[in-house]
Amino acid sequence: MTIRDQNKASYVFTGMRIRNLLRLKDNVFSFVSSGKGLQRRWIFYGRGWGHGVGLSQTGAYGMAIAGKKYDEILKHFYTNTQLITAY
């Protein structure tokens, strides 16, 4: 999304950035706007809330980009568990 301010300066936001800024539950969303100028309003529609099993793919991805290892990521989402080698 590109937004321009009153001075015509442009700001580009990705879907993930918008999700984080607006604290949306998912980064798959659509939106509509109505009105103009100071009366403009935005309505965001989200799709989905995950599978409900505890791991956020988006959160895990962000942790991996930040340098976390797989075991740190799994322990973050699945507390009080132990990783073992089962082969």
N, C-alpha and C. Protein backbone atom coordinates (compact mmCIF):
# COMPACT_ATOMS: atom_id res chain seq x y z
N MET A 1 0.85 -1.15 0.00
CA MET A 1 0.00 0.00 0.00
C MET A 1 0.90 1.22 0.00
N THR A 2 0.56 2.20 -0.80
CA THR A 2 1.28 3.46 -0.81
C THR A 2 0.34 4.55 -0.29
N ILE A 3 0.82 5.29 0.68
CA ILE A 3 0.05 6.38 1.26
C ILE A 3 0.81 7.67 1.02
N ARG A 4 0.09 8.71 0.63
CA ARG A 4 0.70 10.02 0.41
C ARG A 4 0.15 11.00 1.45
N ASP A 5 1.04 11.78 2.03
CA ASP A 5 0.59 12.78 3.00
C ASP A 5 0.21 14.08 2.30
N GLN A 6 -0.16 15.08 3.07
CA GLN A 6 -0.61 16.34 2.49
C GLN A 6 0.47 17.04 1.69
N ASN A 7 1.75 16.68 1.90
CA ASN A 7 2.85 17.27 1.14
C ASN A 7 3.23 16.42 -0.07
N LYS A 8 2.41 15.42 -0.36
CA LYS A 8 2.61 14.51 -1.49
C LYS A 8 3.79 13.55 -1.31
N ALA A 9 4.33 13.45 -0.10
CA ALA A 9 5.39 12.47 0.17
C ALA A 9 4.75 11.09 0.23
N SER A 10 5.39 10.10 -0.38
CA SER A 10 4.86 8.74 -0.45
C SER A 10 5.49 7.85 0.60
N TYR A 11 4.67 6.97 1.17
CA TYR A 11 5.12 5.98 2.15
C TYR A 11 4.57 4.63 1.71
N VAL A 12 5.45 3.65 1.58
CA VAL A 12 5.05 2.32 1.13
C VAL A 12 5.03 1.38 2.33
N PHE A 13 3.94 0.63 2.48
CA PHE A 13 3.79 -0.33 3.57
C PHE A 13 3.47 -1.71 2.99
N THR A 14 4.17 -2.73 3.46
CA THR A 14 3.86 -4.10 3.06
C THR A 14 2.70 -4.61 3.89
N GLY A 15 2.12 -5.73 3.46
CA GLY A 15 1.02 -6.33 4.21
C GLY A 15 1.41 -6.67 5.64
N MET A 16 2.63 -7.20 5.82
CA MET A 16 3.08 -7.57 7.16
C MET A 16 3.25 -6.34 8.04
N ARG A 17 3.75 -5.27 7.48
CA ARG A 17 3.93 -4.03 8.25
C ARG A 17 2.58 -3.46 8.67
N ILE A 18 1.63 -3.49 7.76
CA ILE A 18 0.28 -3.01 8.10
C ILE A 18 -0.30 -3.87 9.21
N ARG A 19 -0.14 -5.18 9.07
CA ARG A 19 -0.65 -6.09 10.10
C ARG A 19 -0.08 -5.74 11.47
N ASN A 20 1.23 -5.53 11.54
CA ASN A 20 1.86 -5.22 12.82
C ASN A 20 1.42 -3.87 13.36
N LEU A 21 1.35 -2.87 12.50
CA LEU A 21 0.96 -1.53 12.94
C LEU A 21 -0.47 -1.50 13.49
N LEU A 22 -1.36 -2.23 12.82
CA LEU A 22 -2.77 -2.22 13.21
C LEU A 22 -3.16 -3.36 14.15
N ARG A 23 -2.16 -4.21 14.47
CA ARG A 23 -2.38 -5.35 15.36
C ARG A 23 -3.48 -6.27 14.86
N LEU A 24 -3.44 -6.54 13.55
CA LEU A 24 -4.39 -7.47 12.96
C LEU A 24 -3.96 -8.89 13.29
N LYS A 25 -4.88 -9.81 13.33
CA LYS A 25 -4.59 -11.20 13.68
C LYS A 25 -3.92 -11.97 12.55
N ASP A 26 -4.04 -11.50 11.34
CA ASP A 26 -3.52 -12.23 10.19
C ASP A 26 -2.99 -11.24 9.18
N ASN A 27 -2.04 -11.68 8.36
CA ASN A 27 -1.54 -10.77 7.33
C ASN A 27 -2.25 -10.98 6.00
N VAL A 28 -3.27 -11.82 5.98
CA VAL A 28 -4.12 -11.97 4.80
C VAL A 28 -5.39 -11.16 5.07
N PHE A 29 -5.50 -10.00 4.46
CA PHE A 29 -6.64 -9.14 4.72
C PHE A 29 -6.94 -8.31 3.49
N SER A 30 -8.12 -7.75 3.48
CA SER A 30 -8.49 -6.79 2.46
C SER A 30 -9.05 -5.57 3.18
N PHE A 31 -9.20 -4.50 2.45
CA PHE A 31 -9.74 -3.30 3.08
C PHE A 31 -10.50 -2.47 2.07
N VAL A 32 -11.38 -1.65 2.59
CA VAL A 32 -12.10 -0.67 1.77
C VAL A 32 -12.00 0.67 2.49
N SER A 33 -12.12 1.73 1.73
CA SER A 33 -12.12 3.05 2.34
C SER A 33 -13.35 3.80 1.85
N SER A 34 -13.78 4.72 2.67
CA SER A 34 -14.90 5.57 2.26
C SER A 34 -14.64 6.98 2.77
N GLY A 35 -15.19 7.94 2.10
CA GLY A 35 -14.98 9.33 2.48
C GLY A 35 -13.71 9.90 1.88
N LYS A 36 -13.51 11.19 2.12
CA LYS A 36 -12.33 11.88 1.59
C LYS A 36 -11.74 12.78 2.66
N GLY A 37 -10.45 13.07 2.49
CA GLY A 37 -9.76 13.97 3.41
C GLY A 37 -9.82 13.48 4.85
N LEU A 38 -10.10 14.40 5.75
CA LEU A 38 -10.15 14.04 7.18
C LEU A 38 -11.33 13.14 7.52
N GLN A 39 -12.29 13.02 6.62
CA GLN A 39 -13.45 12.17 6.86
C GLN A 39 -13.24 10.74 6.34
N ARG A 40 -12.08 10.47 5.75
CA ARG A 40 -11.82 9.13 5.20
C ARG A 40 -11.73 8.11 6.32
N ARG A 41 -12.36 6.96 6.11
CA ARG A 41 -12.36 5.85 7.06
C ARG A 41 -11.93 4.59 6.33
N TRP A 42 -11.24 3.70 7.04
CA TRP A 42 -10.77 2.44 6.49
C TRP A 42 -11.38 1.29 7.27
N ILE A 43 -11.82 0.27 6.55
CA ILE A 43 -12.35 -0.94 7.18
C ILE A 43 -11.50 -2.11 6.70
N PHE A 44 -10.92 -2.85 7.63
CA PHE A 44 -10.08 -3.99 7.31
C PHE A 44 -10.83 -5.28 7.59
N TYR A 45 -10.73 -6.22 6.67
CA TYR A 45 -11.35 -7.54 6.81
C TYR A 45 -10.25 -8.59 6.82
N GLY A 46 -10.18 -9.36 7.90
CA GLY A 46 -9.17 -10.41 8.01
C GLY A 46 -9.74 -11.75 7.58
N ARG A 47 -8.82 -12.67 7.29
CA ARG A 47 -9.22 -14.02 6.90
C ARG A 47 -8.42 -15.02 7.72
N GLY A 48 -9.05 -15.63 8.69
CA GLY A 48 -8.39 -16.71 9.41
C GLY A 48 -7.72 -16.27 10.69
N TRP A 49 -7.61 -17.23 11.58
CA TRP A 49 -7.00 -17.02 12.89
C TRP A 49 -6.02 -18.14 13.19
N GLY A 50 -5.55 -18.83 12.18
CA GLY A 50 -4.61 -19.92 12.41
C GLY A 50 -5.32 -21.24 12.63
N HIS A 51 -4.54 -22.26 12.94
CA HIS A 51 -5.08 -23.59 13.14
C HIS A 51 -5.43 -23.89 14.60
N GLY A 52 -4.98 -23.04 15.49
CA GLY A 52 -5.30 -23.23 16.90
C GLY A 52 -4.45 -24.27 17.60
N VAL A 53 -3.28 -24.58 17.05
CA VAL A 53 -2.43 -25.59 17.70
C VAL A 53 -1.19 -24.98 18.35
N GLY A 54 -1.09 -23.66 18.35
CA GLY A 54 -0.05 -23.02 19.13
C GLY A 54 1.09 -22.36 18.40
N LEU A 55 1.40 -22.73 17.17
CA LEU A 55 2.54 -22.13 16.49
C LEU A 55 2.07 -21.13 15.45
N SER A 56 2.62 -19.94 15.54
CA SER A 56 2.35 -18.91 14.55
C SER A 56 3.43 -18.98 13.48
N GLN A 57 3.05 -19.28 12.25
CA GLN A 57 4.04 -19.35 11.19
C GLN A 57 4.71 -17.99 10.98
N THR A 58 3.93 -16.94 11.08
CA THR A 58 4.49 -15.61 10.92
C THR A 58 5.45 -15.29 12.06
N GLY A 59 5.06 -15.62 13.27
CA GLY A 59 5.93 -15.40 14.42
C GLY A 59 7.21 -16.21 14.34
N ALA A 60 7.08 -17.49 13.94
CA ALA A 60 8.25 -18.35 13.80
C ALA A 60 9.18 -17.83 12.72
N TYR A 61 8.62 -17.36 11.63
CA TYR A 61 9.42 -16.79 10.54
C TYR A 61 10.19 -15.56 11.03
N GLY A 62 9.50 -14.69 11.76
CA GLY A 62 10.15 -13.50 12.30
C GLY A 62 11.27 -13.84 13.26
N MET A 63 11.05 -14.86 14.09
CA MET A 63 12.10 -15.28 15.02
C MET A 63 13.29 -15.85 14.26
N ALA A 64 13.03 -16.60 13.20
CA ALA A 64 14.12 -17.17 12.39
C ALA A 64 14.94 -16.06 11.73
N ILE A 65 14.25 -15.06 11.21
CA ILE A 65 14.95 -13.93 10.60
C ILE A 65 15.81 -13.21 11.64
N ALA A 66 15.33 -13.18 12.89
CA ALA A 66 16.07 -12.53 13.97
C ALA A 66 17.22 -13.39 14.48
N GLY A 67 17.40 -14.59 13.90
CA GLY A 67 18.54 -15.42 14.26
C GLY A 67 18.26 -16.53 15.25
N LYS A 68 17.01 -16.73 15.63
CA LYS A 68 16.69 -17.81 16.56
C LYS A 68 16.82 -19.16 15.85
N LYS A 69 17.24 -20.17 16.60
CA LYS A 69 17.37 -21.53 16.06
C LYS A 69 16.04 -22.26 16.21
N TYR A 70 15.89 -23.37 15.48
CA TYR A 70 14.61 -24.09 15.47
C TYR A 70 14.17 -24.50 16.86
N ASP A 71 15.12 -24.94 17.72
CA ASP A 71 14.73 -25.39 19.05
C ASP A 71 14.25 -24.23 19.91
N GLU A 72 14.83 -23.04 19.76
CA GLU A 72 14.38 -21.86 20.49
C GLU A 72 12.97 -21.48 20.05
N ILE A 73 12.73 -21.57 18.77
CA ILE A 73 11.40 -21.22 18.24
C ILE A 73 10.35 -22.20 18.76
N LEU A 74 10.64 -23.48 18.67
CA LEU A 74 9.67 -24.48 19.15
C LEU A 74 9.42 -24.34 20.64
N LYS A 75 10.46 -24.11 21.42
CA LYS A 75 10.29 -23.96 22.87
C LYS A 75 9.49 -22.70 23.22
N HIS A 76 9.60 -21.67 22.38
CA HIS A 76 8.82 -20.45 22.60
C HIS A 76 7.32 -20.72 22.45
N PHE A 77 6.96 -21.46 21.42
CA PHE A 77 5.54 -21.71 21.15
C PHE A 77 4.98 -22.89 21.93
N TYR A 78 5.81 -23.85 22.25
CA TYR A 78 5.36 -25.05 22.98
C TYR A 78 6.13 -25.14 24.29
N THR A 79 5.68 -24.35 25.25
CA THR A 79 6.35 -24.31 26.55
C THR A 79 6.14 -25.62 27.30
N ASN A 80 7.02 -25.88 28.22
CA ASN A 80 6.96 -27.09 29.05
C ASN A 80 7.00 -28.37 28.22
N THR A 81 7.72 -28.34 27.12
CA THR A 81 7.92 -29.53 26.28
C THR A 81 9.41 -29.81 26.19
N GLN A 82 9.72 -31.01 25.75
CA GLN A 82 11.11 -31.40 25.60
C GLN A 82 11.32 -31.95 24.21
N LEU A 83 12.35 -31.47 23.54
CA LEU A 83 12.69 -31.99 22.22
C LEU A 83 13.61 -33.19 22.39
N ILE A 84 13.27 -34.29 21.72
CA ILE A 84 14.10 -35.49 21.79
C ILE A 84 14.34 -36.04 20.40
N THR A 85 15.39 -36.80 20.23
CA THR A 85 15.64 -37.50 18.99
C THR A 85 14.93 -38.84 19.09
N ALA A 86 14.05 -39.13 18.14
CA ALA A 86 13.21 -40.33 18.23
C ALA A 86 13.55 -41.34 17.14
N TYR A 87 14.75 -41.34 16.62
CA TYR A 87 15.13 -42.32 15.63
C TYR A 87 16.36 -43.06 16.05
